[in-house]
Amino acid sequence: MPSFRRRDSVIDADRVDESTPDPERTTDAGQARALVEEAEAEAAEADALAAAARARARAARLRRQALADEAD
């Protein structure tokens, strides 16, 4: 039975690795990183707004409970 390892290693050795990065790909990667950072900042802002809204809702609920307790 022939060895497939030898054949695979020869095929792999024939492949050419590009060691110089494509400038367009580098720009795309930089833009992608910038977009990720922007998305993370927007998500953090949305989280902060949601937390503030929850805090306001809780404060309103506590005020209503306090007023209801005073009325009793």
PDB file of N, CA and C in Angstrom:
ATOM      1  N   MET A   1       0.848  -1.179   0.000  1.00  0.00           N
ATOM      2  CA  MET A   1       0.000   0.000   0.000  1.00  0.00           C
ATOM      3  C   MET A   1       0.891   1.239   0.000  1.00  0.00           C
ATOM      4  N   PRO A   2       0.669   2.192  -0.921  1.00  0.00           N
ATOM      5  CA  PRO A   2       1.528   3.378  -1.009  1.00  0.00           C
ATOM      6  C   PRO A   2       1.299   4.314   0.184  1.00  0.00           C
ATOM      7  N   SER A   3       2.328   5.030   0.496  1.00  0.00           N
ATOM      8  CA  SER A   3       2.243   5.977   1.604  1.00  0.00           C
ATOM      9  C   SER A   3       1.672   7.306   1.101  1.00  0.00           C
ATOM     10  N   PHE A   4       0.570   7.706   1.678  1.00  0.00           N
ATOM     11  CA  PHE A   4      -0.052   8.963   1.287  1.00  0.00           C
ATOM     12  C   PHE A   4       0.593  10.149   1.988  1.00  0.00           C
ATOM     13  N   ARG A   5       1.282   9.884   3.082  1.00  0.00           N
ATOM     14  CA  ARG A   5       1.961  10.968   3.791  1.00  0.00           C
ATOM     15  C   ARG A   5       3.002  11.634   2.903  1.00  0.00           C
ATOM     16  N   ARG A   6       3.771  10.829   2.226  1.00  0.00           N
ATOM     17  CA  ARG A   6       4.815  11.375   1.353  1.00  0.00           C
ATOM     18  C   ARG A   6       4.188  12.234   0.264  1.00  0.00           C
ATOM     19  N   ARG A   7       3.124  11.730  -0.357  1.00  0.00           N
ATOM     20  CA  ARG A   7       2.473  12.472  -1.426  1.00  0.00           C
ATOM     21  C   ARG A   7       1.885  13.782  -0.884  1.00  0.00           C
ATOM     22  N   ASP A   8       1.249  13.742   0.296  1.00  0.00           N
ATOM     23  CA  ASP A   8       0.684  14.955   0.889  1.00  0.00           C
ATOM     24  C   ASP A   8       1.766  15.965   1.211  1.00  0.00           C
ATOM     25  N   SER A   9       2.904  15.511   1.722  1.00  0.00           N
ATOM     26  CA  SER A   9       3.960  16.454   2.066  1.00  0.00           C
ATOM     27  C   SER A   9       4.554  17.102   0.822  1.00  0.00           C
ATOM     28  N   VAL A  10       4.640  16.361  -0.267  1.00  0.00           N
ATOM     29  CA  VAL A  10       5.150  16.920  -1.519  1.00  0.00           C
ATOM     30  C   VAL A  10       4.166  17.948  -2.060  1.00  0.00           C
ATOM     31  N   ILE A  11       2.888  17.634  -2.000  1.00  0.00           N
ATOM     32  CA  ILE A  11       1.864  18.579  -2.475  1.00  0.00           C
ATOM     33  C   ILE A  11       1.899  19.843  -1.630  1.00  0.00           C
ATOM     34  N   ASP A  12       2.010  19.693  -0.318  1.00  0.00           N
ATOM     35  CA  ASP A  12       2.069  20.854   0.573  1.00  0.00           C
ATOM     36  C   ASP A  12       3.307  21.694   0.299  1.00  0.00           C
ATOM     37  N   ALA A  13       4.416  21.048  -0.025  1.00  0.00           N
ATOM     38  CA  ALA A  13       5.653  21.778  -0.289  1.00  0.00           C
ATOM     39  C   ALA A  13       5.547  22.586  -1.578  1.00  0.00           C
ATOM     40  N   ASP A  14       4.694  22.170  -2.488  1.00  0.00           N
ATOM     41  CA  ASP A  14       4.536  22.888  -3.751  1.00  0.00           C
ATOM     42  C   ASP A  14       3.720  24.166  -3.596  1.00  0.00           C
ATOM     43  N   ARG A  15       2.995  24.277  -2.503  1.00  0.00           N
ATOM     44  CA  ARG A  15       2.186  25.482  -2.296  1.00  0.00           C
ATOM     45  C   ARG A  15       3.093  26.674  -2.011  1.00  0.00           C
ATOM     46  N   VAL A  16       2.685  27.817  -2.515  1.00  0.00           N
ATOM     47  CA  VAL A  16       3.460  29.040  -2.312  1.00  0.00           C
ATOM     48  C   VAL A  16       2.753  29.880  -1.262  1.00  0.00           C
ATOM     49  N   ASP A  17       3.487  30.210  -0.217  1.00  0.00           N
ATOM     50  CA  ASP A  17       2.938  31.083   0.818  1.00  0.00           C
ATOM     51  C   ASP A  17       3.284  32.515   0.482  1.00  0.00           C
ATOM     52  N   GLU A  18       2.276  33.378   0.537  1.00  0.00           N
ATOM     53  CA  GLU A  18       2.535  34.798   0.288  1.00  0.00           C
ATOM     54  C   GLU A  18       3.003  35.425   1.591  1.00  0.00           C
ATOM     55  N   SER A  19       4.240  35.858   1.589  1.00  0.00           N
ATOM     56  CA  SER A  19       4.777  36.461   2.803  1.00  0.00           C
ATOM     57  C   SER A  19       4.545  37.970   2.848  1.00  0.00           C
ATOM     58  N   THR A  20       4.320  38.585   1.687  1.00  0.00           N
ATOM     59  CA  THR A  20       4.074  40.030   1.661  1.00  0.00           C
ATOM     60  C   THR A  20       2.576  40.271   1.713  1.00  0.00           C
ATOM     61  N   PRO A  21       2.138  41.028   2.697  1.00  0.00           N
ATOM     62  CA  PRO A  21       0.706  41.276   2.805  1.00  0.00           C
ATOM     63  C   PRO A  21       0.222  42.201   1.698  1.00  0.00           C
ATOM     64  N   ASP A  22      -0.955  41.920   1.231  1.00  0.00           N
ATOM     65  CA  ASP A  22      -1.588  42.745   0.205  1.00  0.00           C
ATOM     66  C   ASP A  22      -2.012  44.064   0.856  1.00  0.00           C
ATOM     67  N   PRO A  23      -1.585  45.217   0.313  1.00  0.00           N
ATOM     68  CA  PRO A  23      -1.943  46.502   0.929  1.00  0.00           C
ATOM     69  C   PRO A  23      -3.446  46.697   1.071  1.00  0.00           C
ATOM     70  N   GLU A  24      -4.195  46.207   0.094  1.00  0.00           N
ATOM     71  CA  GLU A  24      -5.649  46.350   0.165  1.00  0.00           C
ATOM     72  C   GLU A  24      -6.216  45.525   1.317  1.00  0.00           C
ATOM     73  N   ARG A  25      -5.667  44.336   1.511  1.00  0.00           N
ATOM     74  CA  ARG A  25      -6.131  43.499   2.628  1.00  0.00           C
ATOM     75  C   ARG A  25      -5.758  44.123   3.960  1.00  0.00           C
ATOM     76  N   THR A  26      -4.583  44.742   4.033  1.00  0.00           N
ATOM     77  CA  THR A  26      -4.161  45.404   5.263  1.00  0.00           C
ATOM     78  C   THR A  26      -5.108  46.547   5.589  1.00  0.00           C
ATOM     79  N   THR A  27      -5.476  47.306   4.584  1.00  0.00           N
ATOM     80  CA  THR A  27      -6.429  48.403   4.773  1.00  0.00           C
ATOM     81  C   THR A  27      -7.774  47.847   5.213  1.00  0.00           C
ATOM     82  N   ASP A  28      -8.202  46.779   4.561  1.00  0.00           N
ATOM     83  CA  ASP A  28      -9.471  46.162   4.933  1.00  0.00           C
ATOM     84  C   ASP A  28      -9.435  45.672   6.381  1.00  0.00           C
ATOM     85  N   ALA A  29      -8.303  45.100   6.786  1.00  0.00           N
ATOM     86  CA  ALA A  29      -8.172  44.619   8.159  1.00  0.00           C
ATOM     87  C   ALA A  29      -8.198  45.798   9.134  1.00  0.00           C
ATOM     88  N   GLY A  30      -7.539  46.876   8.769  1.00  0.00           N
ATOM     89  CA  GLY A  30      -7.556  48.067   9.614  1.00  0.00           C
ATOM     90  C   GLY A  30      -8.950  48.657   9.728  1.00  0.00           C
ATOM     91  N   GLN A  31      -9.650  48.679   8.606  1.00  0.00           N
ATOM     92  CA  GLN A  31     -11.022  49.185   8.623  1.00  0.00           C
ATOM     93  C   GLN A  31     -11.918  48.269   9.450  1.00  0.00           C
ATOM     94  N   ALA A  32     -11.686  46.974   9.335  1.00  0.00           N
ATOM     95  CA  ALA A  32     -12.476  46.017  10.109  1.00  0.00           C
ATOM     96  C   ALA A  32     -12.246  46.223  11.598  1.00  0.00           C
ATOM     97  N   ARG A  33     -10.981  46.431  11.993  1.00  0.00           N
ATOM     98  CA  ARG A  33     -10.690  46.678  13.414  1.00  0.00           C
ATOM     99  C   ARG A  33     -11.360  47.958  13.884  1.00  0.00           C
ATOM    100  N   ALA A  34     -11.323  48.987  13.053  1.00  0.00           N
ATOM    101  CA  ALA A  34     -11.967  50.258  13.412  1.00  0.00           C
ATOM    102  C   ALA A  34     -13.472  50.076  13.548  1.00  0.00           C
ATOM    103  N   LEU A  35     -14.060  49.299  12.652  1.00  0.00           N
ATOM    104  CA  LEU A  35     -15.502  49.048  12.734  1.00  0.00           C
ATOM    105  C   LEU A  35     -15.854  48.248  13.988  1.00  0.00           C
ATOM    106  N   VAL A  36     -15.004  47.308  14.334  1.00  0.00           N
ATOM    107  CA  VAL A  36     -15.237  46.520  15.547  1.00  0.00           C
ATOM    108  C   VAL A  36     -15.171  47.425  16.775  1.00  0.00           C
ATOM    109  N   GLU A  37     -14.169  48.289  16.824  1.00  0.00           N
ATOM    110  CA  GLU A  37     -14.055  49.208  17.963  1.00  0.00           C
ATOM    111  C   GLU A  37     -15.261  50.132  18.045  1.00  0.00           C
ATOM    112  N   GLU A  38     -15.720  50.617  16.890  1.00  0.00           N
ATOM    113  CA  GLU A  38     -16.890  51.496  16.868  1.00  0.00           C
ATOM    114  C   GLU A  38     -18.133  50.746  17.333  1.00  0.00           C
ATOM    115  N   ALA A  39     -18.285  49.512  16.881  1.00  0.00           N
ATOM    116  CA  ALA A  39     -19.441  48.708  17.290  1.00  0.00           C
ATOM    117  C   ALA A  39     -19.405  48.427  18.787  1.00  0.00           C
ATOM    118  N   GLU A  40     -18.208  48.139  19.319  1.00  0.00           N
ATOM    119  CA  GLU A  40     -18.085  47.893  20.752  1.00  0.00           C
ATOM    120  C   GLU A  40     -18.420  49.148  21.555  1.00  0.00           C
ATOM    121  N   ALA A  41     -17.997  50.303  21.059  1.00  0.00           N
ATOM    122  CA  ALA A  41     -18.311  51.561  21.744  1.00  0.00           C
ATOM    123  C   ALA A  41     -19.813  51.819  21.719  1.00  0.00           C
ATOM    124  N   GLU A  42     -20.442  51.566  20.585  1.00  0.00           N
ATOM    125  CA  GLU A  42     -21.890  51.748  20.487  1.00  0.00           C
ATOM    126  C   GLU A  42     -22.623  50.770  21.397  1.00  0.00           C
ATOM    127  N   ALA A  43     -22.130  49.536  21.496  1.00  0.00           N
ATOM    128  CA  ALA A  43     -22.752  48.547  22.375  1.00  0.00           C
ATOM    129  C   ALA A  43     -22.608  48.969  23.838  1.00  0.00           C
ATOM    130  N   ALA A  44     -21.452  49.494  24.192  1.00  0.00           N
ATOM    131  CA  ALA A  44     -21.245  49.964  25.568  1.00  0.00           C
ATOM    132  C   ALA A  44     -22.173  51.129  25.870  1.00  0.00           C
ATOM    133  N   GLU A  45     -22.343  52.022  24.905  1.00  0.00           N
ATOM    134  CA  GLU A  45     -23.257  53.154  25.094  1.00  0.00           C
ATOM    135  C   GLU A  45     -24.691  52.661  25.249  1.00  0.00           C
ATOM    136  N   ALA A  46     -25.080  51.687  24.430  1.00  0.00           N
ATOM    137  CA  ALA A  46     -26.430  51.128  24.524  1.00  0.00           C
ATOM    138  C   ALA A  46     -26.638  50.444  25.876  1.00  0.00           C
ATOM    139  N   ASP A  47     -25.617  49.740  26.354  1.00  0.00           N
ATOM    140  CA  ASP A  47     -25.702  49.104  27.675  1.00  0.00           C
ATOM    141  C   ASP A  47     -25.877  50.151  28.769  1.00  0.00           C
ATOM    142  N   ALA A  48     -25.144  51.244  28.669  1.00  0.00           N
ATOM    143  CA  ALA A  48     -25.249  52.317  29.666  1.00  0.00           C
ATOM    144  C   ALA A  48     -26.636  52.949  29.634  1.00  0.00           C
ATOM    145  N   LEU A  49     -27.163  53.181  28.434  1.00  0.00           N
ATOM    146  CA  LEU A  49     -28.509  53.745  28.318  1.00  0.00           C
ATOM    147  C   LEU A  49     -29.559  52.798  28.884  1.00  0.00           C
ATOM    148  N   ALA A  50     -29.387  51.513  28.620  1.00  0.00           N
ATOM    149  CA  ALA A  50     -30.336  50.527  29.147  1.00  0.00           C
ATOM    150  C   ALA A  50     -30.271  50.475  30.670  1.00  0.00           C
ATOM    151  N   ALA A  51     -29.070  50.538  31.222  1.00  0.00           N
ATOM    152  CA  ALA A  51     -28.916  50.528  32.679  1.00  0.00           C
ATOM    153  C   ALA A  51     -29.558  51.771  33.298  1.00  0.00           C
ATOM    154  N   ALA A  52     -29.395  52.911  32.646  1.00  0.00           N
ATOM    155  CA  ALA A  52     -30.009  54.148  33.141  1.00  0.00           C
ATOM    156  C   ALA A  52     -31.528  54.043  33.086  1.00  0.00           C
ATOM    157  N   ALA A  53     -32.052  53.477  32.018  1.00  0.00           N
ATOM    158  CA  ALA A  53     -33.505  53.311  31.891  1.00  0.00           C
ATOM    159  C   ALA A  53     -34.035  52.372  32.965  1.00  0.00           C
ATOM    160  N   ARG A  54     -33.293  51.291  33.237  1.00  0.00           N
ATOM    161  CA  ARG A  54     -33.711  50.371  34.311  1.00  0.00           C
ATOM    162  C   ARG A  54     -33.700  51.073  35.655  1.00  0.00           C
ATOM    163  N   ALA A  55     -32.687  51.895  35.891  1.00  0.00           N
ATOM    164  CA  ALA A  55     -32.598  52.624  37.158  1.00  0.00           C
ATOM    165  C   ALA A  55     -33.752  53.607  37.307  1.00  0.00           C
ATOM    166  N   ARG A  56     -34.082  54.299  36.216  1.00  0.00           N
ATOM    167  CA  ARG A  56     -35.223  55.235  36.275  1.00  0.00           C
ATOM    168  C   ARG A  56     -36.526  54.483  36.533  1.00  0.00           C
ATOM    169  N   ALA A  57     -36.719  53.359  35.880  1.00  0.00           N
ATOM    170  CA  ALA A  57     -37.934  52.566  36.070  1.00  0.00           C
ATOM    171  C   ALA A  57     -38.022  52.046  37.504  1.00  0.00           C
ATOM    172  N   ARG A  58     -36.902  51.622  38.048  1.00  0.00           N
ATOM    173  CA  ARG A  58     -36.886  51.135  39.435  1.00  0.00           C
ATOM    174  C   ARG A  58     -37.196  52.271  40.405  1.00  0.00           C
ATOM    175  N   ALA A  59     -36.635  53.433  40.153  1.00  0.00           N
ATOM    176  CA  ALA A  59     -36.903  54.583  41.027  1.00  0.00           C
ATOM    177  C   ALA A  59     -38.380  54.959  40.974  1.00  0.00           C
ATOM    178  N   ALA A  60     -38.965  54.943  39.798  1.00  0.00           N
ATOM    179  CA  ALA A  60     -40.393  55.263  39.669  1.00  0.00           C
ATOM    180  C   ALA A  60     -41.237  54.225  40.393  1.00  0.00           C
ATOM    181  N   ARG A  61     -40.873  52.960  40.245  1.00  0.00           N
ATOM    182  CA  ARG A  61     -41.606  51.887  40.923  1.00  0.00           C
ATOM    183  C   ARG A  61     -41.516  52.035  42.432  1.00  0.00           C
ATOM    184  N   LEU A  62     -40.327  52.354  42.940  1.00  0.00           N
ATOM    185  CA  LEU A  62     -40.152  52.534  44.390  1.00  0.00           C
ATOM    186  C   LEU A  62     -40.953  53.745  44.890  1.00  0.00           C
ATOM    187  N   ARG A  63     -40.996  54.820  44.093  1.00  0.00           N
ATOM    188  CA  ARG A  63     -41.797  55.991  44.475  1.00  0.00           C
ATOM    189  C   ARG A  63     -43.278  55.627  44.567  1.00  0.00           C
ATOM    190  N   ARG A  64     -43.760  54.882  43.569  1.00  0.00           N
ATOM    191  CA  ARG A  64     -45.173  54.472  43.580  1.00  0.00           C
ATOM    192  C   ARG A  64     -45.469  53.600  44.790  1.00  0.00           C
ATOM    193  N   GLN A  65     -44.550  52.684  45.113  1.00  0.00           N
ATOM    194  CA  GLN A  65     -44.742  51.818  46.282  1.00  0.00           C
ATOM    195  C   GLN A  65     -44.756  52.640  47.567  1.00  0.00           C
ATOM    196  N   ALA A  66     -43.842  53.609  47.642  1.00  0.00           N
ATOM    197  CA  ALA A  66     -43.782  54.451  48.841  1.00  0.00           C
ATOM    198  C   ALA A  66     -45.067  55.261  48.985  1.00  0.00           C
ATOM    199  N   LEU A  67     -45.571  55.805  47.894  1.00  0.00           N
ATOM    200  CA  LEU A  67     -46.827  56.565  47.949  1.00  0.00           C
ATOM    201  C   LEU A  67     -47.998  55.662  48.323  1.00  0.00           C
ATOM    202  N   ALA A  68     -47.993  54.452  47.796  1.00  0.00           N
ATOM    203  CA  ALA A  68     -49.058  53.505  48.122  1.00  0.00           C
ATOM    204  C   ALA A  68     -48.992  53.111  49.596  1.00  0.00           C
ATOM    205  N   ASP A  69     -47.786  52.944  50.129  1.00  0.00           N
ATOM    206  CA  ASP A  69     -47.620  52.590  51.537  1.00  0.00           C
ATOM    207  C   ASP A  69     -48.076  53.734  52.444  1.00  0.00           C
ATOM    208  N   GLU A  70     -47.824  54.979  52.032  1.00  0.00           N
ATOM    209  CA  GLU A  70     -48.251  56.138  52.815  1.00  0.00           C
ATOM    210  C   GLU A  70     -49.769  56.256  52.835  1.00  0.00           C
ATOM    211  N   ALA A  71     -50.402  55.904  51.737  1.00  0.00           N
ATOM    212  CA  ALA A  71     -51.854  56.009  51.637  1.00  0.00           C
ATOM    213  C   ALA A  71     -52.544  54.977  52.516  1.00  0.00           C
ATOM    214  N   ASP A  72     -51.872  53.873  52.771  1.00  0.00           N
ATOM    215  CA  ASP A  72     -52.484  52.820  53.609  1.00  0.00           C
ATOM    216  C   ASP A  72     -52.430  53.184  55.020  1.00  0.00           C
TER     217      ASP A  72
END
